[in-house]
Amino acid sequence: MQVLVSEAIWDFDLESALKEISEQRREQALKFKYEQGQRLCVLAYQLLKQALREGYGITENPVFDYNEHGKPSIVGHPDIFFNLSHCKEAVACVVSDKPVGIDVESIREYKESLVNYTMNDEEIAQIKSAEAPAAFFIRLWTMKESTMKLIGTGISNDMKTVVDTQKYKYTTVDRQRYIYTICENV
């Protein structure tokens, strides 16, 4: 499994980078209204290209196919699984020979209504008693979202019950301004 994370959102020439990616990804990037969104989309794709080149010797631009819930796969490479995520501080990419999910989120204050909608009673108690409740909420959120991205359902599942440490292995990394979690089958 390869995990690539980058904070270099503003460290490349966007116009040049747009010319070096697939037409499909370029169109997707240009749908973002603001430059930051375009950069995040391009950088995520660049990380995927790097991982494919380093791990599989694939040098062509990957083209994506999507399942009914929007989970992407690489056309012509059904044996390679990947997932991309970004927040305003960072972009994350994971590539594996097995299904995998990743989520990266900025640490920020949360709304009580979101906690009540997405967290079960035990998780709510953990958040409230945590030394840094906002960071603990984001840690749990990335676990939930990376799980849903692994199974390919998007946020259509019941978020209160999706985390399952018997079925999935979670690797969570806390950075100063963001947290990311990788989810894979046990």
C-alpha atoms as a PDB file:
ATOM      1  CA  MET A   1       0.000   0.000   0.000  1.00  0.00           C
ATOM      2  CA  GLN A   2       1.236   3.463  -0.883  1.00  0.00           C
ATOM      3  CA  VAL A   3       0.089   6.580   0.963  1.00  0.00           C
ATOM      4  CA  LEU A   4       1.020  10.003  -0.352  1.00  0.00           C
ATOM      5  CA  VAL A   5       0.072  13.241   1.414  1.00  0.00           C
ATOM      6  CA  SER A   6       0.969  16.722   0.230  1.00  0.00           C
ATOM      7  CA  GLU A   7       0.499  20.236   1.544  1.00  0.00           C
ATOM      8  CA  ALA A   8       2.086  21.727  -1.627  1.00  0.00           C
ATOM      9  CA  ILE A   9      -1.204  23.124  -2.885  1.00  0.00           C
ATOM     10  CA  TRP A  10       0.297  26.435  -4.018  1.00  0.00           C
ATOM     11  CA  ASP A  11       3.731  25.121  -5.069  1.00  0.00           C
ATOM     12  CA  PHE A  12       3.083  24.281  -8.721  1.00  0.00           C
ATOM     13  CA  ASP A  13       2.070  26.051 -11.911  1.00  0.00           C
ATOM     14  CA  LEU A  14      -1.627  25.301 -12.335  1.00  0.00           C
ATOM     15  CA  GLU A  15      -1.776  26.017 -16.084  1.00  0.00           C
ATOM     16  CA  SER A  16       1.115  23.651 -16.810  1.00  0.00           C
ATOM     17  CA  ALA A  17      -0.299  20.990 -14.503  1.00  0.00           C
ATOM     18  CA  LEU A  18      -3.701  21.139 -16.206  1.00  0.00           C
ATOM     19  CA  LYS A  19      -1.997  20.289 -19.520  1.00  0.00           C
ATOM     20  CA  GLU A  20      -0.318  17.203 -18.005  1.00  0.00           C
ATOM     21  CA  ILE A  21      -3.442  15.447 -16.703  1.00  0.00           C
ATOM     22  CA  SER A  22      -6.221  13.540 -18.450  1.00  0.00           C
ATOM     23  CA  GLU A  23      -8.949  15.484 -20.214  1.00  0.00           C
ATOM     24  CA  GLN A  24     -11.455  13.858 -17.843  1.00  0.00           C
ATOM     25  CA  ARG A  25      -9.619  15.130 -14.745  1.00  0.00           C
ATOM     26  CA  ARG A  26      -8.979  18.555 -16.311  1.00  0.00           C
ATOM     27  CA  GLU A  27     -12.720  18.988 -16.899  1.00  0.00           C
ATOM     28  CA  GLN A  28     -13.397  17.895 -13.319  1.00  0.00           C
ATOM     29  CA  ALA A  29     -10.813  20.351 -11.933  1.00  0.00           C
ATOM     30  CA  LEU A  30     -12.159  23.255 -13.965  1.00  0.00           C
ATOM     31  CA  LYS A  31     -15.648  22.715 -12.553  1.00  0.00           C
ATOM     32  CA  PHE A  32     -14.353  24.139  -9.275  1.00  0.00           C
ATOM     33  CA  LYS A  33     -15.239  27.824  -9.093  1.00  0.00           C
ATOM     34  CA  TYR A  34     -12.178  28.831  -7.097  1.00  0.00           C
ATOM     35  CA  GLU A  35      -8.519  28.234  -7.838  1.00  0.00           C
ATOM     36  CA  GLN A  36      -7.919  26.432  -4.557  1.00  0.00           C
ATOM     37  CA  GLY A  37     -10.467  23.745  -5.458  1.00  0.00           C
ATOM     38  CA  GLN A  38      -8.895  23.361  -8.894  1.00  0.00           C
ATOM     39  CA  ARG A  39      -5.454  23.004  -7.328  1.00  0.00           C
ATOM     40  CA  LEU A  40      -6.647  20.402  -4.810  1.00  0.00           C
ATOM     41  CA  CYS A  41      -8.245  18.342  -7.589  1.00  0.00           C
ATOM     42  CA  VAL A  42      -5.100  18.520  -9.766  1.00  0.00           C
ATOM     43  CA  LEU A  43      -2.727  17.766  -6.881  1.00  0.00           C
ATOM     44  CA  ALA A  44      -4.740  14.689  -5.851  1.00  0.00           C
ATOM     45  CA  TYR A  45      -4.470  13.388  -9.416  1.00  0.00           C
ATOM     46  CA  GLN A  46      -0.730  14.161  -9.500  1.00  0.00           C
ATOM     47  CA  LEU A  47      -0.250  12.111  -6.322  1.00  0.00           C
ATOM     48  CA  LEU A  48      -2.171   9.218  -7.896  1.00  0.00           C
ATOM     49  CA  LYS A  49      -0.005   9.432 -11.029  1.00  0.00           C
ATOM     50  CA  GLN A  50       3.128   9.386  -8.842  1.00  0.00           C
ATOM     51  CA  ALA A  51       1.917   6.332  -6.903  1.00  0.00           C
ATOM     52  CA  LEU A  52       0.995   4.475 -10.101  1.00  0.00           C
ATOM     53  CA  ARG A  53       4.361   5.285 -11.664  1.00  0.00           C
ATOM     54  CA  GLU A  54       6.365   4.287  -8.568  1.00  0.00           C
ATOM     55  CA  GLY A  55       4.311   1.257  -7.562  1.00  0.00           C
ATOM     56  CA  TYR A  56       3.179  -0.178 -10.886  1.00  0.00           C
ATOM     57  CA  GLY A  57       5.303   1.400 -13.616  1.00  0.00           C
ATOM     58  CA  ILE A  58       2.185   3.012 -15.125  1.00  0.00           C
ATOM     59  CA  THR A  59       3.099   6.220 -16.906  1.00  0.00           C
ATOM     60  CA  GLU A  60      -0.081   7.052 -18.832  1.00  0.00           C
ATOM     61  CA  ASN A  61      -2.724   9.298 -17.329  1.00  0.00           C
ATOM     62  CA  PRO A  62      -5.323   7.175 -15.549  1.00  0.00           C
ATOM     63  CA  VAL A  63      -8.918   7.470 -16.700  1.00  0.00           C
ATOM     64  CA  PHE A  64     -11.660   6.782 -14.192  1.00  0.00           C
ATOM     65  CA  ASP A  65     -14.862   4.799 -14.276  1.00  0.00           C
ATOM     66  CA  TYR A  66     -17.372   5.315 -11.463  1.00  0.00           C
ATOM     67  CA  ASN A  67     -19.784   2.985  -9.688  1.00  0.00           C
ATOM     68  CA  GLU A  68     -23.401   3.969  -8.999  1.00  0.00           C
ATOM     69  CA  HIS A  69     -22.329   5.784  -5.804  1.00  0.00           C
ATOM     70  CA  GLY A  70     -19.452   7.661  -7.453  1.00  0.00           C
ATOM     71  CA  LYS A  71     -16.549   5.477  -6.269  1.00  0.00           C
ATOM     72  CA  PRO A  72     -13.818   5.709  -8.903  1.00  0.00           C
ATOM     73  CA  SER A  73     -11.773   2.903 -10.402  1.00  0.00           C
ATOM     74  CA  ILE A  74      -9.013   3.020 -13.007  1.00  0.00           C
ATOM     75  CA  VAL A  75     -10.095   1.924 -16.475  1.00  0.00           C
ATOM     76  CA  GLY A  76      -8.024  -1.081 -17.580  1.00  0.00           C
ATOM     77  CA  HIS A  77      -6.623  -1.742 -14.099  1.00  0.00           C
ATOM     78  CA  PRO A  78      -9.344  -3.491 -12.053  1.00  0.00           C
ATOM     79  CA  ASP A  79      -6.652  -4.939  -9.753  1.00  0.00           C
ATOM     80  CA  ILE A  80      -5.472  -1.509  -8.562  1.00  0.00           C
ATOM     81  CA  PHE A  81      -7.548   0.199  -5.882  1.00  0.00           C
ATOM     82  CA  PHE A  82      -7.149   3.836  -4.888  1.00  0.00           C
ATOM     83  CA  ASN A  83      -8.817   6.646  -3.069  1.00  0.00           C
ATOM     84  CA  LEU A  84      -8.279  10.402  -3.040  1.00  0.00           C
ATOM     85  CA  SER A  85      -9.252  13.061  -0.542  1.00  0.00           C
ATOM     86  CA  HIS A  86      -8.505  16.709   0.131  1.00  0.00           C
ATOM     87  CA  CYS A  87      -9.200  19.497   2.539  1.00  0.00           C
ATOM     88  CA  LYS A  88      -7.989  23.095   2.445  1.00  0.00           C
ATOM     89  CA  GLU A  89      -4.621  22.190   4.019  1.00  0.00           C
ATOM     90  CA  ALA A  90      -3.696  18.915   2.328  1.00  0.00           C
ATOM     91  CA  VAL A  91      -4.328  16.285  -0.315  1.00  0.00           C
ATOM     92  CA  ALA A  92      -4.137  12.541   0.372  1.00  0.00           C
ATOM     93  CA  CYS A  93      -3.909   9.533  -1.943  1.00  0.00           C
ATOM     94  CA  VAL A  94      -3.800   5.820  -1.165  1.00  0.00           C
ATOM     95  CA  VAL A  95      -3.162   3.043  -3.692  1.00  0.00           C
ATOM     96  CA  SER A  96      -3.375  -0.675  -2.930  1.00  0.00           C
ATOM     97  CA  ASP A  97      -3.885  -4.147  -4.359  1.00  0.00           C
ATOM     98  CA  LYS A  98      -6.996  -4.396  -2.132  1.00  0.00           C
ATOM     99  CA  PRO A  99      -9.996  -2.088  -1.614  1.00  0.00           C
ATOM    100  CA  VAL A 100      -9.000   0.945   0.417  1.00  0.00           C
ATOM    101  CA  GLY A 101     -10.415   4.275   1.560  1.00  0.00           C
ATOM    102  CA  ILE A 102      -8.867   7.523   2.762  1.00  0.00           C
ATOM    103  CA  ASP A 103     -10.238  10.752   4.151  1.00  0.00           C
ATOM    104  CA  VAL A 104      -8.446  13.936   5.156  1.00  0.00           C
ATOM    105  CA  GLU A 105     -10.193  16.733   7.049  1.00  0.00           C
ATOM    106  CA  SER A 106      -9.202  20.075   8.503  1.00  0.00           C
ATOM    107  CA  ILE A 107      -9.464  20.319  12.269  1.00  0.00           C
ATOM    108  CA  ARG A 108     -12.239  22.802  12.930  1.00  0.00           C
ATOM    109  CA  GLU A 109     -15.100  23.418  15.307  1.00  0.00           C
ATOM    110  CA  TYR A 110     -18.147  21.257  14.760  1.00  0.00           C
ATOM    111  CA  LYS A 111     -21.873  21.660  15.127  1.00  0.00           C
ATOM    112  CA  GLU A 112     -23.630  19.720  17.882  1.00  0.00           C
ATOM    113  CA  SER A 113     -26.368  18.747  15.393  1.00  0.00           C
ATOM    114  CA  LEU A 114     -23.760  17.098  13.116  1.00  0.00           C
ATOM    115  CA  VAL A 115     -22.305  15.169  16.057  1.00  0.00           C
ATOM    116  CA  ASN A 116     -25.767  13.936  17.075  1.00  0.00           C
ATOM    117  CA  TYR A 117     -26.596  12.905  13.497  1.00  0.00           C
ATOM    118  CA  THR A 118     -23.321  11.077  12.750  1.00  0.00           C
ATOM    119  CA  MET A 119     -22.021   9.724  16.062  1.00  0.00           C
ATOM    120  CA  ASN A 120     -23.353   6.992  18.331  1.00  0.00           C
ATOM    121  CA  ASP A 121     -23.740   7.485  22.100  1.00  0.00           C
ATOM    122  CA  GLU A 122     -20.303   6.059  22.925  1.00  0.00           C
ATOM    123  CA  GLU A 123     -18.604   8.297  20.337  1.00  0.00           C
ATOM    124  CA  ILE A 124     -20.468  11.365  21.599  1.00  0.00           C
ATOM    125  CA  ALA A 125     -19.251  10.625  25.131  1.00  0.00           C
ATOM    126  CA  GLN A 126     -15.671  10.216  23.855  1.00  0.00           C
ATOM    127  CA  ILE A 127     -15.844  13.548  22.008  1.00  0.00           C
ATOM    128  CA  LYS A 128     -17.220  15.387  25.044  1.00  0.00           C
ATOM    129  CA  SER A 129     -14.556  13.970  27.363  1.00  0.00           C
ATOM    130  CA  ALA A 130     -11.643  14.428  24.948  1.00  0.00           C
ATOM    131  CA  GLU A 131      -8.873  16.896  25.698  1.00  0.00           C
ATOM    132  CA  ALA A 132      -9.382  18.372  22.204  1.00  0.00           C
ATOM    133  CA  PRO A 133     -13.022  17.661  21.267  1.00  0.00           C
ATOM    134  CA  ALA A 134     -12.814  19.203  17.772  1.00  0.00           C
ATOM    135  CA  ALA A 135      -9.805  17.075  16.845  1.00  0.00           C
ATOM    136  CA  PHE A 136     -11.397  13.943  18.310  1.00  0.00           C
ATOM    137  CA  PHE A 137     -14.571  14.576  16.288  1.00  0.00           C
ATOM    138  CA  ILE A 138     -12.500  14.931  13.089  1.00  0.00           C
ATOM    139  CA  ARG A 139     -10.602  11.735  13.934  1.00  0.00           C
ATOM    140  CA  LEU A 140     -13.896   9.810  14.196  1.00  0.00           C
ATOM    141  CA  TRP A 141     -15.301  11.546  11.099  1.00  0.00           C
ATOM    142  CA  THR A 142     -12.289  10.517   8.971  1.00  0.00           C
ATOM    143  CA  MET A 143     -12.671   6.930  10.202  1.00  0.00           C
ATOM    144  CA  LYS A 144     -16.317   6.932   9.142  1.00  0.00           C
ATOM    145  CA  GLU A 145     -15.790   8.596   5.781  1.00  0.00           C
ATOM    146  CA  SER A 146     -12.765   6.453   4.867  1.00  0.00           C
ATOM    147  CA  THR A 147     -14.854   3.363   5.651  1.00  0.00           C
ATOM    148  CA  MET A 148     -17.678   4.494   3.385  1.00  0.00           C
ATOM    149  CA  LYS A 149     -15.179   5.303   0.652  1.00  0.00           C
ATOM    150  CA  LEU A 150     -13.643   1.821   1.005  1.00  0.00           C
ATOM    151  CA  ILE A 151     -16.996   0.062   0.677  1.00  0.00           C
ATOM    152  CA  GLY A 152     -17.999   2.435  -2.129  1.00  0.00           C
ATOM    153  CA  THR A 153     -21.375   3.561  -0.843  1.00  0.00           C
ATOM    154  CA  GLY A 154     -20.604   7.197  -0.154  1.00  0.00           C
ATOM    155  CA  ILE A 155     -22.407   8.840   2.724  1.00  0.00           C
ATOM    156  CA  SER A 156     -25.534   6.778   2.178  1.00  0.00           C
ATOM    157  CA  ASN A 157     -24.838   4.382   5.048  1.00  0.00           C
ATOM    158  CA  ASP A 158     -25.801   5.021   8.643  1.00  0.00           C
ATOM    159  CA  MET A 159     -22.765   6.911   9.879  1.00  0.00           C
ATOM    160  CA  LYS A 160     -23.412   5.964  13.509  1.00  0.00           C
ATOM    161  CA  THR A 161     -22.600   2.287  12.894  1.00  0.00           C
ATOM    162  CA  VAL A 162     -20.127   2.301   9.986  1.00  0.00           C
ATOM    163  CA  VAL A 163     -16.890   2.123  12.030  1.00  0.00           C
ATOM    164  CA  ASP A 164     -16.100  -1.523  12.749  1.00  0.00           C
ATOM    165  CA  THR A 165     -12.661  -2.321  14.152  1.00  0.00           C
ATOM    166  CA  GLN A 166     -13.335  -6.062  13.827  1.00  0.00           C
ATOM    167  CA  LYS A 167     -13.917  -5.784  10.076  1.00  0.00           C
ATOM    168  CA  TYR A 168     -11.652  -2.853   9.161  1.00  0.00           C
ATOM    169  CA  LYS A 169      -8.162  -1.682  10.039  1.00  0.00           C
ATOM    170  CA  TYR A 170      -7.788   2.061  10.615  1.00  0.00           C
ATOM    171  CA  THR A 171      -4.581   4.041  10.415  1.00  0.00           C
ATOM    172  CA  THR A 172      -5.070   7.616  11.579  1.00  0.00           C
ATOM    173  CA  VAL A 173      -2.466  10.349  11.397  1.00  0.00           C
ATOM    174  CA  ASP A 174      -2.902  13.596  13.329  1.00  0.00           C
ATOM    175  CA  ARG A 175      -1.163  16.625  11.910  1.00  0.00           C
ATOM    176  CA  GLN A 176      -1.260  20.091  13.397  1.00  0.00           C
ATOM    177  CA  ARG A 177      -4.097  21.402  11.215  1.00  0.00           C
ATOM    178  CA  TYR A 178      -5.623  18.239   9.752  1.00  0.00           C
ATOM    179  CA  ILE A 179      -6.177  14.528  10.312  1.00  0.00           C
ATOM    180  CA  TYR A 180      -6.307  11.688   7.822  1.00  0.00           C
ATOM    181  CA  THR A 181      -7.415   8.089   8.158  1.00  0.00           C
ATOM    182  CA  ILE A 182      -6.798   5.108   5.902  1.00  0.00           C
ATOM    183  CA  CYS A 183      -9.295   2.257   6.068  1.00  0.00           C
ATOM    184  CA  GLU A 184      -8.654  -1.243   4.757  1.00  0.00           C
ATOM    185  CA  ASN A 185     -10.204  -4.655   5.280  1.00  0.00           C
ATOM    186  CA  VAL A 186      -8.743  -6.688   8.159  1.00  0.00           C
END
